[in-house]
Amino acid sequence: MEILNRILGEIKITFLHFKERSKNKYYGDRFEEWVVKSSNISKDGSNNSNFWKLLEWRGDKYIEGYRPLSSSSPDLLMECISDKSVFYTSQERIAVECKWRSKKNFFLDEKCIIKYEDYISSDEHKYPPKHLFYVFGFGWSCDNPEVVYVIPAKKLYNYSKEKHKVKFHFRKEDVDRLELFDDYKHKNTSKYLIYKPATEQSNI
C-alpha cells in the first residue's frame, strides 16, 4: 500500500508539472501572437502605413535538455520600414523577447540574458539589432494580456560582454514592484506597442 501511495503521489506531481507547463506554454504562445499583432507590423513587408517588417519569429523548442541554437535568440527580430520615426531610421533593427507571466514580476534569468545579449552582439549579423526589448505581459482576459510593459534591456540591467556579467538596476526583492517601470507601461489608449529606446543607462 505504501508503494502504491508513493507511485500515485509521483504521478500526481508529474501531472501537475505538465499541466502548469502546458498552461504557461499556451499563454506564452498566445502572448507572442498578441505582441506581433500589436506592433504595427506589415503583413507583406511593404511600407504602407506600417512601421515594422518582421524578419524572424522564433519559438522555444526543447525536450529533455535538447534545444536548437536558434533558441538562444530573442523571439522577434524586426526592421523599421518607416521614414517617419522619431527613434529609428529606415532599416534599423530591434530584437524583442516576449515574457508572459500569470503573476506580476520582472524576473529575468541571467543565463537567458547572456544568450540574448551575445546574440545581439554577434559578428554573424550584417545588420545587428540596435536595441533589445523585453515585453512583459501579466494575466490574461478576453483574448488580451491584462497589463503590458515594453522595457528596453538597458533599463533593466547592464551587460558586460567581456565578462559575461549581468548587473540589474533593481534588487531581487523589488522584482514585483510594477511602479519602477510605470514609464514603460503600455497605455490602452494606444493602438500599437511603442518600442522607445533607453536614452541612458540609469539605476532605478
N, C-alpha and C. Protein backbone atom coordinates (compact mmCIF):
# COMPACT_ATOMS: atom_id res chain seq x y z
N MET A 1 0.83 -1.22 0.00
CA MET A 1 0.00 0.00 0.00
C MET A 1 0.86 1.26 0.00
N GLU A 2 1.95 1.20 0.78
CA GLU A 2 2.85 2.36 0.85
C GLU A 2 3.48 2.64 -0.51
N ILE A 3 3.88 1.57 -1.21
CA ILE A 3 4.48 1.72 -2.53
C ILE A 3 3.47 2.31 -3.51
N LEU A 4 2.23 1.81 -3.44
CA LEU A 4 1.17 2.31 -4.32
C LEU A 4 0.91 3.79 -4.09
N ASN A 5 0.84 4.20 -2.82
CA ASN A 5 0.62 5.61 -2.50
C ASN A 5 1.76 6.48 -3.01
N ARG A 6 2.98 5.95 -2.92
CA ARG A 6 4.13 6.72 -3.40
C ARG A 6 4.07 6.89 -4.92
N ILE A 7 3.70 5.80 -5.60
CA ILE A 7 3.58 5.86 -7.07
C ILE A 7 2.49 6.84 -7.48
N LEU A 8 1.34 6.76 -6.79
CA LEU A 8 0.24 7.69 -7.09
C LEU A 8 0.64 9.13 -6.82
N GLY A 9 1.42 9.34 -5.76
CA GLY A 9 1.90 10.68 -5.44
C GLY A 9 2.81 11.22 -6.51
N GLU A 10 3.70 10.37 -7.02
CA GLU A 10 4.62 10.78 -8.08
C GLU A 10 3.87 11.08 -9.38
N ILE A 11 2.85 10.27 -9.66
CA ILE A 11 2.03 10.51 -10.86
C ILE A 11 1.32 11.86 -10.75
N LYS A 12 0.80 12.16 -9.57
CA LYS A 12 0.09 13.42 -9.36
C LYS A 12 1.03 14.60 -9.54
N ILE A 13 2.24 14.51 -8.99
CA ILE A 13 3.22 15.59 -9.12
C ILE A 13 3.59 15.80 -10.59
N THR A 14 3.80 14.68 -11.30
CA THR A 14 4.14 14.76 -12.73
C THR A 14 3.01 15.40 -13.52
N PHE A 15 1.77 15.02 -13.21
CA PHE A 15 0.61 15.58 -13.91
C PHE A 15 0.52 17.09 -13.69
N LEU A 16 0.69 17.51 -12.43
CA LEU A 16 0.62 18.94 -12.12
C LEU A 16 1.73 19.71 -12.81
N HIS A 17 2.93 19.10 -12.89
CA HIS A 17 4.07 19.75 -13.55
C HIS A 17 3.76 20.01 -15.02
N PHE A 18 3.27 18.99 -15.72
CA PHE A 18 3.00 19.14 -17.14
C PHE A 18 1.77 20.00 -17.39
N LYS A 19 0.82 19.98 -16.46
CA LYS A 19 -0.35 20.85 -16.58
C LYS A 19 0.08 22.30 -16.50
N GLU A 20 0.95 22.64 -15.55
CA GLU A 20 1.42 24.01 -15.40
C GLU A 20 2.28 24.41 -16.58
N ARG A 21 3.14 23.49 -17.03
CA ARG A 21 3.99 23.78 -18.19
C ARG A 21 3.14 24.03 -19.43
N SER A 22 2.10 23.20 -19.63
CA SER A 22 1.22 23.37 -20.79
C SER A 22 0.48 24.70 -20.72
N LYS A 23 0.04 25.08 -19.52
CA LYS A 23 -0.65 26.35 -19.35
C LYS A 23 0.26 27.51 -19.69
N ASN A 24 1.49 27.51 -19.17
CA ASN A 24 2.43 28.59 -19.44
C ASN A 24 2.79 28.64 -20.92
N LYS A 25 2.96 27.47 -21.54
CA LYS A 25 3.28 27.42 -22.97
C LYS A 25 2.12 27.97 -23.79
N TYR A 26 0.91 27.61 -23.42
CA TYR A 26 -0.28 28.06 -24.15
C TYR A 26 -0.40 29.58 -24.11
N TYR A 27 -0.35 30.15 -22.90
CA TYR A 27 -0.49 31.59 -22.79
C TYR A 27 0.74 32.32 -23.30
N GLY A 28 1.92 31.70 -23.18
CA GLY A 28 3.12 32.30 -23.74
C GLY A 28 3.02 32.43 -25.24
N ASP A 29 2.53 31.40 -25.90
CA ASP A 29 2.36 31.44 -27.36
C ASP A 29 1.30 32.46 -27.76
N ARG A 30 0.21 32.50 -27.02
CA ARG A 30 -0.85 33.46 -27.34
C ARG A 30 -0.37 34.89 -27.12
N PHE A 31 0.47 35.09 -26.11
CA PHE A 31 1.00 36.42 -25.86
C PHE A 31 1.94 36.85 -26.99
N GLU A 32 2.77 35.94 -27.47
CA GLU A 32 3.64 36.26 -28.61
C GLU A 32 2.79 36.69 -29.81
N GLU A 33 1.72 35.95 -30.07
CA GLU A 33 0.84 36.29 -31.17
C GLU A 33 0.24 37.68 -30.97
N TRP A 34 -0.15 37.98 -29.74
CA TRP A 34 -0.72 39.30 -29.43
C TRP A 34 0.31 40.39 -29.67
N VAL A 35 1.56 40.17 -29.26
CA VAL A 35 2.62 41.16 -29.46
C VAL A 35 2.83 41.43 -30.94
N VAL A 36 2.86 40.38 -31.75
CA VAL A 36 3.05 40.54 -33.19
C VAL A 36 1.91 41.38 -33.78
N LYS A 37 0.68 41.06 -33.40
CA LYS A 37 -0.48 41.79 -33.95
C LYS A 37 -0.57 43.21 -33.42
N SER A 38 0.12 43.49 -32.31
CA SER A 38 0.02 44.81 -31.67
C SER A 38 1.24 45.69 -31.91
N SER A 39 2.10 45.29 -32.85
CA SER A 39 3.36 46.01 -33.05
C SER A 39 3.43 46.79 -34.35
N ASN A 40 2.29 46.97 -35.03
CA ASN A 40 2.25 47.72 -36.29
C ASN A 40 3.22 47.13 -37.31
N ILE A 41 3.14 45.82 -37.49
CA ILE A 41 3.99 45.10 -38.42
C ILE A 41 3.27 44.93 -39.76
N SER A 42 4.01 45.14 -40.84
CA SER A 42 3.47 44.93 -42.17
C SER A 42 3.25 43.44 -42.42
N LYS A 43 2.10 43.09 -42.98
CA LYS A 43 1.81 41.68 -43.24
C LYS A 43 2.61 41.14 -44.42
N ASP A 44 2.91 41.99 -45.40
CA ASP A 44 3.64 41.53 -46.59
C ASP A 44 5.03 42.15 -46.71
N GLY A 45 5.44 42.92 -45.69
CA GLY A 45 6.79 43.50 -45.71
C GLY A 45 6.89 44.83 -46.42
N SER A 46 5.79 45.29 -47.03
CA SER A 46 5.83 46.55 -47.76
C SER A 46 5.61 47.72 -46.82
N ASN A 47 6.08 48.89 -47.24
CA ASN A 47 5.96 50.09 -46.43
C ASN A 47 4.70 50.86 -46.82
N ASN A 48 3.63 50.57 -46.15
CA ASN A 48 2.39 51.33 -46.36
C ASN A 48 2.25 52.29 -45.19
N SER A 49 1.35 51.99 -44.29
CA SER A 49 1.24 52.81 -43.08
C SER A 49 1.85 52.08 -41.90
N ASN A 50 2.49 50.95 -42.17
CA ASN A 50 3.08 50.15 -41.10
C ASN A 50 4.46 50.66 -40.73
N PHE A 51 4.92 50.21 -39.56
CA PHE A 51 6.19 50.70 -39.02
C PHE A 51 7.30 49.67 -39.10
N TRP A 52 6.96 48.39 -38.89
CA TRP A 52 7.97 47.34 -38.82
C TRP A 52 7.75 46.26 -39.87
N LYS A 53 8.86 45.63 -40.24
CA LYS A 53 8.84 44.40 -41.02
C LYS A 53 9.35 43.28 -40.11
N LEU A 54 8.62 42.18 -40.05
CA LEU A 54 9.00 41.06 -39.19
C LEU A 54 9.97 40.15 -39.95
N LEU A 55 11.23 40.14 -39.50
CA LEU A 55 12.27 39.35 -40.16
C LEU A 55 12.34 37.92 -39.63
N GLU A 56 12.19 37.78 -38.32
CA GLU A 56 12.28 36.46 -37.70
C GLU A 56 11.27 36.36 -36.56
N TRP A 57 10.73 35.16 -36.40
CA TRP A 57 9.84 34.86 -35.27
C TRP A 57 10.17 33.45 -34.82
N ARG A 58 10.90 33.37 -33.75
CA ARG A 58 11.43 32.08 -33.30
C ARG A 58 10.77 31.67 -31.99
N GLY A 59 10.39 30.43 -31.91
CA GLY A 59 9.80 29.90 -30.69
C GLY A 59 10.78 29.00 -29.97
N ASP A 60 10.60 28.86 -28.68
CA ASP A 60 11.46 27.99 -27.88
C ASP A 60 11.03 26.54 -28.05
N LYS A 61 11.89 25.75 -28.66
CA LYS A 61 11.64 24.32 -28.84
C LYS A 61 12.66 23.54 -28.01
N TYR A 62 12.18 22.67 -27.15
CA TYR A 62 13.10 21.87 -26.36
C TYR A 62 12.39 20.64 -25.80
N ILE A 63 13.19 19.62 -25.52
CA ILE A 63 12.67 18.42 -24.87
C ILE A 63 13.83 17.71 -24.17
N GLU A 64 13.66 17.48 -22.90
CA GLU A 64 14.64 16.76 -22.09
C GLU A 64 16.06 17.31 -22.27
N GLY A 65 16.19 18.62 -22.32
CA GLY A 65 17.50 19.23 -22.41
C GLY A 65 17.98 19.49 -23.83
N TYR A 66 17.28 18.95 -24.84
CA TYR A 66 17.66 19.18 -26.23
C TYR A 66 16.98 20.45 -26.72
N ARG A 67 17.78 21.34 -27.32
CA ARG A 67 17.21 22.57 -27.87
C ARG A 67 18.10 23.06 -29.01
N PRO A 68 17.53 23.67 -30.05
CA PRO A 68 18.32 24.19 -31.16
C PRO A 68 19.04 25.48 -30.77
N LEU A 69 20.08 25.81 -31.53
CA LEU A 69 20.83 27.04 -31.25
C LEU A 69 19.95 28.27 -31.44
N SER A 70 18.92 28.15 -32.29
CA SER A 70 18.04 29.30 -32.52
C SER A 70 17.29 29.71 -31.26
N SER A 71 17.20 28.81 -30.27
CA SER A 71 16.53 29.15 -29.01
C SER A 71 17.34 30.15 -28.19
N SER A 72 18.57 30.41 -28.62
CA SER A 72 19.41 31.38 -27.92
C SER A 72 19.06 32.81 -28.31
N SER A 73 18.25 32.97 -29.34
CA SER A 73 17.91 34.31 -29.81
C SER A 73 16.57 34.76 -29.25
N PRO A 74 16.34 36.08 -29.17
CA PRO A 74 15.03 36.59 -28.74
C PRO A 74 13.93 36.15 -29.70
N ASP A 75 12.69 36.32 -29.28
CA ASP A 75 11.55 35.81 -30.04
C ASP A 75 11.38 36.47 -31.40
N LEU A 76 11.54 37.80 -31.44
CA LEU A 76 11.24 38.55 -32.66
C LEU A 76 12.43 39.40 -33.10
N LEU A 77 12.63 39.47 -34.41
CA LEU A 77 13.59 40.40 -34.99
C LEU A 77 12.83 41.25 -35.99
N MET A 78 12.83 42.59 -35.78
CA MET A 78 12.03 43.48 -36.61
C MET A 78 12.89 44.58 -37.21
N GLU A 79 12.51 45.01 -38.39
CA GLU A 79 13.25 46.06 -39.10
C GLU A 79 12.32 47.23 -39.38
N CYS A 80 12.80 48.43 -39.10
CA CYS A 80 12.00 49.64 -39.33
C CYS A 80 11.84 49.88 -40.83
N ILE A 81 10.62 50.10 -41.28
CA ILE A 81 10.36 50.38 -42.70
C ILE A 81 9.68 51.74 -42.86
N SER A 82 9.69 52.52 -41.79
CA SER A 82 9.05 53.84 -41.83
C SER A 82 10.10 54.93 -41.92
N ASP A 83 9.77 56.01 -42.60
CA ASP A 83 10.67 57.17 -42.66
C ASP A 83 10.13 58.31 -41.79
N LYS A 84 9.19 57.98 -40.90
CA LYS A 84 8.57 58.99 -40.06
C LYS A 84 8.84 58.76 -38.58
N SER A 85 9.82 57.91 -38.29
CA SER A 85 10.09 57.57 -36.90
C SER A 85 10.92 58.63 -36.19
N VAL A 86 10.61 58.84 -34.92
CA VAL A 86 11.39 59.74 -34.08
C VAL A 86 12.62 59.01 -33.54
N PHE A 87 12.51 57.69 -33.36
CA PHE A 87 13.56 56.92 -32.69
C PHE A 87 14.45 56.13 -33.64
N TYR A 88 13.95 55.78 -34.82
CA TYR A 88 14.69 54.88 -35.70
C TYR A 88 14.78 55.43 -37.12
N THR A 89 15.85 55.03 -37.81
CA THR A 89 15.95 55.30 -39.23
C THR A 89 15.53 54.04 -39.98
N SER A 90 15.20 54.21 -41.24
CA SER A 90 14.77 53.08 -42.04
C SER A 90 15.85 52.00 -42.08
N GLN A 91 15.44 50.76 -41.91
CA GLN A 91 16.28 49.55 -41.93
C GLN A 91 17.00 49.27 -40.61
N GLU A 92 16.83 50.12 -39.62
CA GLU A 92 17.37 49.79 -38.30
C GLU A 92 16.54 48.66 -37.70
N ARG A 93 17.21 47.80 -36.93
CA ARG A 93 16.56 46.61 -36.41
C ARG A 93 16.53 46.58 -34.88
N ILE A 94 15.51 45.93 -34.36
CA ILE A 94 15.42 45.69 -32.92
C ILE A 94 15.07 44.21 -32.68
N ALA A 95 15.43 43.72 -31.51
CA ALA A 95 15.06 42.36 -31.10
C ALA A 95 14.09 42.46 -29.93
N VAL A 96 13.14 41.55 -29.88
CA VAL A 96 12.10 41.59 -28.86
C VAL A 96 11.94 40.20 -28.23
N GLU A 97 12.02 40.16 -26.91
CA GLU A 97 11.77 38.93 -26.17
C GLU A 97 10.45 39.08 -25.40
N CYS A 98 9.52 38.16 -25.62
CA CYS A 98 8.20 38.22 -25.00
C CYS A 98 8.17 37.38 -23.73
N LYS A 99 7.65 37.97 -22.66
CA LYS A 99 7.58 37.28 -21.37
C LYS A 99 6.17 37.37 -20.81
N TRP A 100 5.42 36.27 -20.90
CA TRP A 100 4.09 36.25 -20.28
C TRP A 100 4.20 35.66 -18.89
N ARG A 101 3.48 36.28 -17.94
CA ARG A 101 3.50 35.81 -16.55
C ARG A 101 2.07 35.78 -16.00
N SER A 102 1.78 34.76 -15.22
CA SER A 102 0.49 34.74 -14.51
C SER A 102 0.55 35.65 -13.29
N LYS A 103 1.76 35.80 -12.73
CA LYS A 103 1.97 36.70 -11.59
C LYS A 103 2.85 37.86 -12.04
N LYS A 104 2.58 39.02 -11.50
CA LYS A 104 3.27 40.23 -11.93
C LYS A 104 4.68 40.30 -11.35
N ASN A 105 5.69 40.12 -12.21
CA ASN A 105 7.08 40.31 -11.78
C ASN A 105 7.97 40.45 -13.01
N PHE A 106 9.11 41.11 -12.82
CA PHE A 106 10.04 41.37 -13.91
C PHE A 106 11.29 40.49 -13.82
N PHE A 107 11.14 39.32 -13.23
CA PHE A 107 12.29 38.43 -13.09
C PHE A 107 12.81 38.00 -14.46
N LEU A 108 14.15 38.01 -14.60
CA LEU A 108 14.81 37.51 -15.80
C LEU A 108 15.94 36.59 -15.39
N ASP A 109 16.06 35.47 -16.07
CA ASP A 109 17.13 34.53 -15.79
C ASP A 109 18.43 35.03 -16.42
N GLU A 110 19.49 35.09 -15.63
CA GLU A 110 20.76 35.63 -16.12
C GLU A 110 21.31 34.82 -17.29
N LYS A 111 21.14 33.51 -17.28
CA LYS A 111 21.63 32.68 -18.38
C LYS A 111 20.94 33.03 -19.69
N CYS A 112 19.64 33.32 -19.61
CA CYS A 112 18.90 33.70 -20.81
C CYS A 112 19.34 35.08 -21.30
N ILE A 113 19.56 36.00 -20.36
CA ILE A 113 20.03 37.34 -20.73
C ILE A 113 21.34 37.25 -21.49
N ILE A 114 22.26 36.46 -20.98
CA ILE A 114 23.57 36.32 -21.62
C ILE A 114 23.41 35.76 -23.04
N LYS A 115 22.52 34.80 -23.21
CA LYS A 115 22.27 34.24 -24.55
C LYS A 115 21.74 35.31 -25.50
N TYR A 116 20.77 36.09 -25.02
CA TYR A 116 20.17 37.12 -25.88
C TYR A 116 21.19 38.21 -26.22
N GLU A 117 21.95 38.65 -25.21
CA GLU A 117 22.91 39.73 -25.44
C GLU A 117 24.04 39.28 -26.37
N ASP A 118 24.49 38.05 -26.22
CA ASP A 118 25.52 37.53 -27.12
C ASP A 118 24.99 37.40 -28.54
N TYR A 119 23.72 37.07 -28.66
CA TYR A 119 23.10 37.02 -29.99
C TYR A 119 23.07 38.41 -30.62
N ILE A 120 22.68 39.40 -29.83
CA ILE A 120 22.59 40.77 -30.33
C ILE A 120 23.93 41.27 -30.84
N SER A 121 24.99 40.95 -30.11
CA SER A 121 26.32 41.49 -30.43
C SER A 121 27.15 40.54 -31.29
N SER A 122 26.54 39.48 -31.80
CA SER A 122 27.27 38.50 -32.60
C SER A 122 27.80 39.11 -33.89
N ASP A 123 28.98 38.69 -34.30
CA ASP A 123 29.58 39.17 -35.55
C ASP A 123 28.89 38.58 -36.77
N GLU A 124 28.00 37.63 -36.55
CA GLU A 124 27.31 36.99 -37.67
C GLU A 124 26.28 37.92 -38.31
N HIS A 125 25.88 38.96 -37.58
CA HIS A 125 24.87 39.88 -38.10
C HIS A 125 25.50 40.90 -39.05
N LYS A 126 25.00 40.95 -40.27
CA LYS A 126 25.43 42.02 -41.18
C LYS A 126 24.85 43.34 -40.71
N TYR A 127 23.61 43.28 -40.23
CA TYR A 127 22.95 44.46 -39.66
C TYR A 127 22.47 44.08 -38.26
N PRO A 128 23.31 44.25 -37.25
CA PRO A 128 22.94 43.83 -35.89
C PRO A 128 21.79 44.65 -35.33
N PRO A 129 20.95 44.04 -34.51
CA PRO A 129 19.87 44.80 -33.87
C PRO A 129 20.44 45.94 -33.03
N LYS A 130 19.79 47.08 -33.13
CA LYS A 130 20.27 48.25 -32.39
C LYS A 130 19.86 48.20 -30.93
N HIS A 131 18.70 47.61 -30.66
CA HIS A 131 18.19 47.57 -29.29
C HIS A 131 17.53 46.22 -29.03
N LEU A 132 17.54 45.84 -27.75
CA LEU A 132 16.81 44.66 -27.28
C LEU A 132 15.73 45.12 -26.32
N PHE A 133 14.51 44.64 -26.53
CA PHE A 133 13.38 44.97 -25.66
C PHE A 133 12.81 43.70 -25.04
N TYR A 134 12.30 43.87 -23.82
CA TYR A 134 11.54 42.81 -23.17
C TYR A 134 10.09 43.29 -23.05
N VAL A 135 9.17 42.52 -23.60
CA VAL A 135 7.75 42.85 -23.49
C VAL A 135 7.13 41.89 -22.48
N PHE A 136 6.75 42.43 -21.33
CA PHE A 136 6.14 41.64 -20.26
C PHE A 136 4.62 41.73 -20.35
N GLY A 137 3.97 40.59 -20.31
CA GLY A 137 2.51 40.57 -20.25
C GLY A 137 2.07 39.83 -19.01
N PHE A 138 1.18 40.45 -18.24
CA PHE A 138 0.72 39.85 -16.98
C PHE A 138 -0.77 39.54 -17.06
N GLY A 139 -1.12 38.30 -16.70
CA GLY A 139 -2.52 37.90 -16.70
C GLY A 139 -3.07 37.75 -18.11
N TRP A 140 -4.33 37.30 -18.18
CA TRP A 140 -4.97 37.12 -19.48
C TRP A 140 -6.48 37.20 -19.31
N SER A 141 -7.12 38.02 -20.14
CA SER A 141 -8.57 38.18 -20.06
C SER A 141 -9.10 38.65 -21.41
N CYS A 142 -10.14 38.01 -21.89
CA CYS A 142 -10.80 38.41 -23.15
C CYS A 142 -9.80 38.50 -24.31
N ASP A 143 -8.97 37.48 -24.44
CA ASP A 143 -8.00 37.37 -25.54
C ASP A 143 -6.92 38.44 -25.52
N ASN A 144 -6.69 39.04 -24.36
CA ASN A 144 -5.66 40.06 -24.24
C ASN A 144 -4.94 39.92 -22.90
N PRO A 145 -3.65 40.28 -22.85
CA PRO A 145 -2.99 40.38 -21.55
C PRO A 145 -3.61 41.52 -20.76
N GLU A 146 -3.66 41.39 -19.45
CA GLU A 146 -4.29 42.41 -18.63
C GLU A 146 -3.42 43.65 -18.49
N VAL A 147 -2.10 43.45 -18.39
CA VAL A 147 -1.15 44.56 -18.26
C VAL A 147 0.07 44.24 -19.11
N VAL A 148 0.61 45.27 -19.79
CA VAL A 148 1.78 45.06 -20.66
C VAL A 148 2.81 46.16 -20.42
N TYR A 149 4.08 45.75 -20.40
CA TYR A 149 5.20 46.68 -20.27
C TYR A 149 6.19 46.41 -21.41
N VAL A 150 6.63 47.49 -22.07
CA VAL A 150 7.63 47.38 -23.13
C VAL A 150 8.90 48.08 -22.63
N ILE A 151 9.88 47.28 -22.19
CA ILE A 151 11.02 47.82 -21.46
C ILE A 151 12.32 47.57 -22.22
N PRO A 152 13.10 48.62 -22.49
CA PRO A 152 14.42 48.42 -23.10
C PRO A 152 15.33 47.66 -22.14
N ALA A 153 16.14 46.77 -22.67
CA ALA A 153 17.04 45.97 -21.83
C ALA A 153 17.92 46.84 -20.95
N LYS A 154 18.36 47.97 -21.49
CA LYS A 154 19.28 48.84 -20.75
C LYS A 154 18.63 49.45 -19.51
N LYS A 155 17.32 49.46 -19.45
CA LYS A 155 16.63 49.95 -18.26
C LYS A 155 16.46 48.86 -17.21
N LEU A 156 16.70 47.63 -17.60
CA LEU A 156 16.59 46.52 -16.66
C LEU A 156 17.94 46.11 -16.09
N TYR A 157 18.99 46.24 -16.91
CA TYR A 157 20.31 45.78 -16.46
C TYR A 157 21.41 46.35 -17.35
N ASN A 158 22.64 46.26 -16.87
CA ASN A 158 23.84 46.47 -17.68
C ASN A 158 24.45 45.11 -17.97
N TYR A 159 25.03 44.98 -19.16
CA TYR A 159 25.66 43.71 -19.51
C TYR A 159 27.08 43.93 -20.00
N SER A 160 28.02 43.19 -19.42
CA SER A 160 29.42 43.23 -19.84
C SER A 160 29.69 42.03 -20.73
N LYS A 161 29.92 42.28 -22.00
CA LYS A 161 30.17 41.19 -22.94
C LYS A 161 31.49 40.50 -22.64
N GLU A 162 32.50 41.29 -22.23
CA GLU A 162 33.82 40.73 -21.95
C GLU A 162 33.77 39.76 -20.77
N LYS A 163 33.03 40.14 -19.73
CA LYS A 163 32.98 39.33 -18.51
C LYS A 163 31.77 38.39 -18.47
N HIS A 164 30.84 38.58 -19.42
CA HIS A 164 29.58 37.82 -19.41
C HIS A 164 28.88 37.98 -18.06
N LYS A 165 28.78 39.23 -17.63
CA LYS A 165 28.18 39.53 -16.34
C LYS A 165 26.97 40.44 -16.51
N VAL A 166 25.95 40.18 -15.72
CA VAL A 166 24.73 40.98 -15.73
C VAL A 166 24.61 41.71 -14.40
N LYS A 167 24.36 43.02 -14.48
CA LYS A 167 24.14 43.81 -13.26
C LYS A 167 22.76 44.46 -13.37
N PHE A 168 21.84 43.99 -12.54
CA PHE A 168 20.47 44.51 -12.59
C PHE A 168 20.39 45.91 -11.98
N HIS A 169 19.42 46.68 -12.46
CA HIS A 169 19.19 48.02 -11.93
C HIS A 169 18.21 48.00 -10.77
N PHE A 170 17.78 46.84 -10.35
CA PHE A 170 16.87 46.75 -9.21
C PHE A 170 17.25 45.52 -8.38
N ARG A 171 16.86 45.52 -7.13
CA ARG A 171 17.16 44.41 -6.24
C ARG A 171 16.20 43.25 -6.48
N LYS A 172 16.64 42.05 -6.13
CA LYS A 172 15.81 40.86 -6.33
C LYS A 172 14.47 40.98 -5.62
N GLU A 173 14.50 41.60 -4.43
CA GLU A 173 13.25 41.73 -3.67
C GLU A 173 12.29 42.75 -4.28
N ASP A 174 12.78 43.52 -5.27
CA ASP A 174 11.93 44.52 -5.92
C ASP A 174 11.41 44.04 -7.28
N VAL A 175 11.58 42.76 -7.56
CA VAL A 175 11.26 42.24 -8.88
C VAL A 175 9.77 42.37 -9.22
N ASP A 176 8.91 42.50 -8.20
CA ASP A 176 7.47 42.61 -8.45
C ASP A 176 6.94 44.03 -8.23
N ARG A 177 7.83 45.01 -8.12
CA ARG A 177 7.39 46.40 -7.93
C ARG A 177 7.12 47.04 -9.29
N LEU A 178 5.87 47.00 -9.71
CA LEU A 178 5.50 47.47 -11.03
C LEU A 178 5.74 48.96 -11.21
N GLU A 179 5.65 49.72 -10.12
CA GLU A 179 5.80 51.17 -10.24
C GLU A 179 7.18 51.59 -10.70
N LEU A 180 8.16 50.69 -10.59
CA LEU A 180 9.51 51.02 -11.04
C LEU A 180 9.55 51.27 -12.55
N PHE A 181 8.58 50.70 -13.26
CA PHE A 181 8.60 50.80 -14.72
C PHE A 181 7.31 51.39 -15.26
N ASP A 182 6.72 52.30 -14.50
CA ASP A 182 5.48 52.95 -14.94
C ASP A 182 5.65 53.65 -16.29
N ASP A 183 6.84 54.18 -16.54
CA ASP A 183 7.08 54.91 -17.80
C ASP A 183 7.01 53.99 -19.01
N TYR A 184 7.09 52.69 -18.79
CA TYR A 184 7.11 51.74 -19.91
C TYR A 184 5.84 50.89 -19.97
N LYS A 185 4.85 51.29 -19.21
CA LYS A 185 3.57 50.57 -19.22
C LYS A 185 2.79 50.95 -20.47
N HIS A 186 2.32 49.95 -21.19
CA HIS A 186 1.54 50.18 -22.40
C HIS A 186 0.18 50.76 -22.04
N LYS A 187 -0.16 51.86 -22.68
CA LYS A 187 -1.43 52.53 -22.42
C LYS A 187 -2.51 51.94 -23.33
N ASN A 188 -3.63 51.62 -22.74
CA ASN A 188 -4.72 51.03 -23.51
C ASN A 188 -5.25 51.97 -24.58
N THR A 189 -4.97 53.26 -24.42
CA THR A 189 -5.43 54.23 -25.42
C THR A 189 -4.56 54.20 -26.67
N SER A 190 -3.41 53.56 -26.58
CA SER A 190 -2.51 53.46 -27.73
C SER A 190 -2.80 52.18 -28.51
N LYS A 191 -2.99 52.30 -29.80
CA LYS A 191 -3.34 51.14 -30.63
C LYS A 191 -2.20 50.14 -30.73
N TYR A 192 -0.96 50.67 -30.82
CA TYR A 192 0.19 49.80 -31.02
C TYR A 192 1.20 49.94 -29.88
N LEU A 193 2.00 48.90 -29.71
CA LEU A 193 3.10 48.95 -28.75
C LEU A 193 4.17 49.91 -29.26
N ILE A 194 4.76 50.66 -28.33
CA ILE A 194 5.80 51.62 -28.69
C ILE A 194 7.13 51.13 -28.16
N TYR A 195 8.09 50.96 -29.06
CA TYR A 195 9.42 50.48 -28.68
C TYR A 195 10.35 51.69 -28.56
N LYS A 196 10.24 52.34 -27.42
CA LYS A 196 11.03 53.55 -27.18
C LYS A 196 12.37 53.16 -26.57
N PRO A 197 13.48 53.46 -27.25
CA PRO A 197 14.80 53.06 -26.73
C PRO A 197 15.19 53.86 -25.50
N ALA A 198 16.03 53.26 -24.68
CA ALA A 198 16.53 53.95 -23.49
C ALA A 198 17.50 55.03 -23.92
N THR A 199 17.37 56.21 -23.33
CA THR A 199 18.25 57.32 -23.68
C THR A 199 19.56 57.25 -22.91
N GLU A 200 19.53 56.57 -21.76
CA GLU A 200 20.72 56.45 -20.94
C GLU A 200 20.56 55.27 -20.00
N GLN A 201 21.66 54.77 -19.51
CA GLN A 201 21.63 53.70 -18.53
C GLN A 201 21.57 54.33 -17.15
N SER A 202 20.60 53.94 -16.37
CA SER A 202 20.45 54.56 -15.06
C SER A 202 19.96 53.55 -14.06
N ASN A 203 20.39 53.68 -12.83
CA ASN A 203 19.88 52.82 -11.77
C ASN A 203 18.49 53.27 -11.36
N ILE A 204 17.69 52.33 -10.96
CA ILE A 204 16.31 52.64 -10.56
C ILE A 204 16.21 52.60 -9.05
